[in-house]
Protein backbone atom coordinates (compact mmCIF):
# COMPACT_ATOMS: atom_id res chain seq x y z
CA UNK A 1 152.86 -108.45 -6.82
CA UNK A 2 154.54 -110.98 -4.78
CA UNK A 3 152.88 -113.84 -6.31
CA UNK A 4 152.85 -112.88 -9.70
CA UNK A 5 155.44 -114.49 -12.17
CA UNK A 6 155.56 -111.57 -14.81
CA UNK A 7 154.45 -108.11 -14.42
CA UNK A 8 154.72 -105.36 -17.05
CA UNK A 9 153.72 -101.82 -17.29
CA UNK A 10 151.68 -101.01 -20.53
CA UNK A 11 153.30 -97.58 -20.40
CA UNK A 12 156.17 -95.88 -18.59
CA UNK A 13 156.85 -92.28 -19.00
CA UNK A 14 160.02 -90.71 -18.02
CA UNK A 15 160.80 -86.90 -17.81
CA UNK A 16 163.53 -84.74 -16.62
CA UNK A 17 165.75 -81.45 -17.42
CA UNK A 18 169.17 -81.45 -18.57
CA UNK A 19 171.13 -78.50 -17.02
CA UNK A 20 172.97 -76.02 -18.93
CA UNK A 21 176.44 -77.47 -17.58
CA UNK A 22 175.39 -80.99 -19.01
CA UNK A 23 174.36 -79.45 -22.57
CA UNK A 24 177.70 -77.43 -22.52
CA UNK A 25 179.73 -80.84 -21.86
CA UNK A 26 178.53 -82.06 -25.41
CA UNK A 27 179.05 -78.84 -26.94
CA UNK A 28 181.87 -78.86 -30.12
CA UNK A 29 185.22 -77.22 -28.77
CA UNK A 30 185.16 -73.25 -28.41
CA UNK A 31 181.12 -73.37 -27.89
CA UNK A 32 179.68 -72.29 -24.63
CA UNK A 33 176.17 -72.78 -23.89
CA UNK A 34 173.99 -70.21 -22.21
CA UNK A 35 170.73 -69.02 -22.03
CA UNK A 36 168.32 -65.92 -22.14
CA UNK A 37 165.58 -67.03 -20.19
CA UNK A 38 163.40 -69.56 -22.20
CA UNK A 39 166.11 -69.87 -25.21
CA UNK A 40 169.20 -71.61 -25.06
CA UNK A 41 172.20 -69.43 -26.72
CA UNK A 42 175.56 -70.27 -27.74
CA UNK A 43 178.76 -68.21 -28.21
CA UNK A 44 182.49 -68.71 -28.60
CA UNK A 45 184.94 -68.83 -31.31
CA UNK A 46 185.17 -71.41 -34.27
CA UNK A 47 188.16 -71.79 -36.70
CA UNK A 48 186.72 -71.71 -40.29
CA UNK A 49 189.76 -72.03 -42.78
CA UNK A 50 192.66 -70.31 -41.13
CA UNK A 51 190.27 -67.75 -39.38
CA UNK A 52 189.02 -67.79 -36.00
CA UNK A 53 185.72 -66.49 -35.86
CA UNK A 54 183.68 -65.03 -32.93
CA UNK A 55 180.10 -65.64 -32.79
CA UNK A 56 176.69 -65.27 -30.72
CA UNK A 57 173.77 -67.30 -31.64
CA UNK A 58 170.29 -68.70 -30.36
CA UNK A 59 169.70 -72.30 -30.70
CA UNK A 60 166.76 -74.33 -31.12
CA UNK A 61 166.33 -77.88 -29.93
CA UNK A 62 164.54 -80.88 -31.45
CA UNK A 63 164.29 -84.35 -31.25
CA UNK A 64 166.07 -86.48 -34.08
CA UNK A 65 167.12 -89.94 -34.57
CA UNK A 66 166.38 -90.66 -30.62
CA UNK A 67 168.84 -87.77 -29.70
CA UNK A 68 168.27 -84.44 -28.68
CA UNK A 69 169.54 -81.91 -31.31
CA UNK A 70 171.21 -78.86 -30.74
CA UNK A 71 170.71 -76.43 -34.08
CA UNK A 72 172.28 -73.08 -34.45
CA UNK A 73 169.78 -70.41 -35.03
CA UNK A 74 170.06 -66.59 -35.54
CA UNK A 75 173.62 -66.41 -35.60
CA UNK A 76 175.10 -62.76 -35.12
CA UNK A 77 178.49 -61.39 -35.82
CA UNK A 78 179.75 -63.56 -38.64
CA UNK A 79 179.97 -63.23 -42.45
CA UNK A 80 179.06 -66.72 -43.30
CA UNK A 81 176.34 -67.86 -40.67
CA UNK A 82 175.77 -71.31 -42.52
CA UNK A 83 179.18 -72.65 -41.99
CA UNK A 84 179.17 -71.24 -38.43
CA UNK A 85 175.89 -73.09 -37.89
CA UNK A 86 177.24 -76.30 -38.94
CA UNK A 87 180.27 -76.15 -36.74
CA UNK A 88 178.14 -75.42 -33.49
CA UNK A 89 175.36 -77.69 -34.10
CA UNK A 90 175.36 -80.98 -32.50
CA UNK A 91 173.60 -84.11 -30.96
CA UNK A 92 173.10 -84.81 -27.14
CA UNK A 93 172.68 -88.66 -26.61
CA UNK A 94 169.76 -89.72 -24.75
CA UNK A 95 170.09 -93.27 -23.60
CA UNK A 96 172.64 -93.59 -20.89
CA UNK A 97 171.46 -96.15 -18.78
CA UNK A 98 167.83 -96.35 -20.12
CA UNK A 99 166.40 -99.55 -21.42
CA UNK A 100 166.65 -99.64 -25.32
CA UNK A 101 162.87 -99.43 -26.09
CA UNK A 102 162.59 -95.85 -24.27
CA UNK A 103 161.90 -93.31 -27.05
CA UNK A 104 162.43 -89.74 -26.44
CA UNK A 105 159.31 -87.79 -27.49
CA UNK A 106 159.46 -84.11 -26.54
CA UNK A 107 162.50 -81.63 -25.69
CA UNK A 108 162.04 -77.97 -24.99
CA UNK A 109 164.14 -75.09 -23.52
CA UNK A 110 163.65 -74.14 -20.13
CA UNK A 111 165.33 -71.43 -17.92
CA UNK A 112 167.07 -74.32 -16.33
CA UNK A 113 168.24 -76.02 -19.40
CA UNK A 114 166.39 -78.48 -21.44
CA UNK A 115 163.17 -80.44 -20.44
CA UNK A 116 162.55 -83.71 -21.86
CA UNK A 117 159.96 -86.47 -21.98
CA UNK A 118 160.31 -89.91 -23.07
CA UNK A 119 158.13 -93.24 -22.80
CA UNK A 120 158.37 -96.71 -23.41
CA UNK A 121 155.58 -99.57 -23.84
CA UNK A 122 155.21 -103.06 -22.68
CA UNK A 123 158.01 -102.56 -19.88
CA UNK A 124 158.86 -105.76 -17.76
CA UNK A 125 158.77 -104.60 -14.29
CA UNK A 126 159.24 -108.15 -12.80
CA UNK A 127 159.60 -111.39 -14.34
């Protein structure tokens, strides 16, 4: 590798786990992220109009527009679950310090938080 002017990886895979604390950091005000084993949960209190509404919900995760999206699901204890779902659903930016061509490919709930996979193709290693 020392005598090579240009070295490129055909494919680079990245994987890791976002902790519940990291996920919670991006949550809207009044929303606390937790977990019940293999599924993330959200609980807290949000304001709808002039009313404060307490809620408990399970959340699902998906990859959308290059971000990890937290989407409220199975909301309990509220009369208008659709409005609460909109208030407590949010994206988590993925890129950070990664090269721009890295694409998030998979995310799933695990007891520790969110496990993710990403990949990039034709990545310069040295050149």
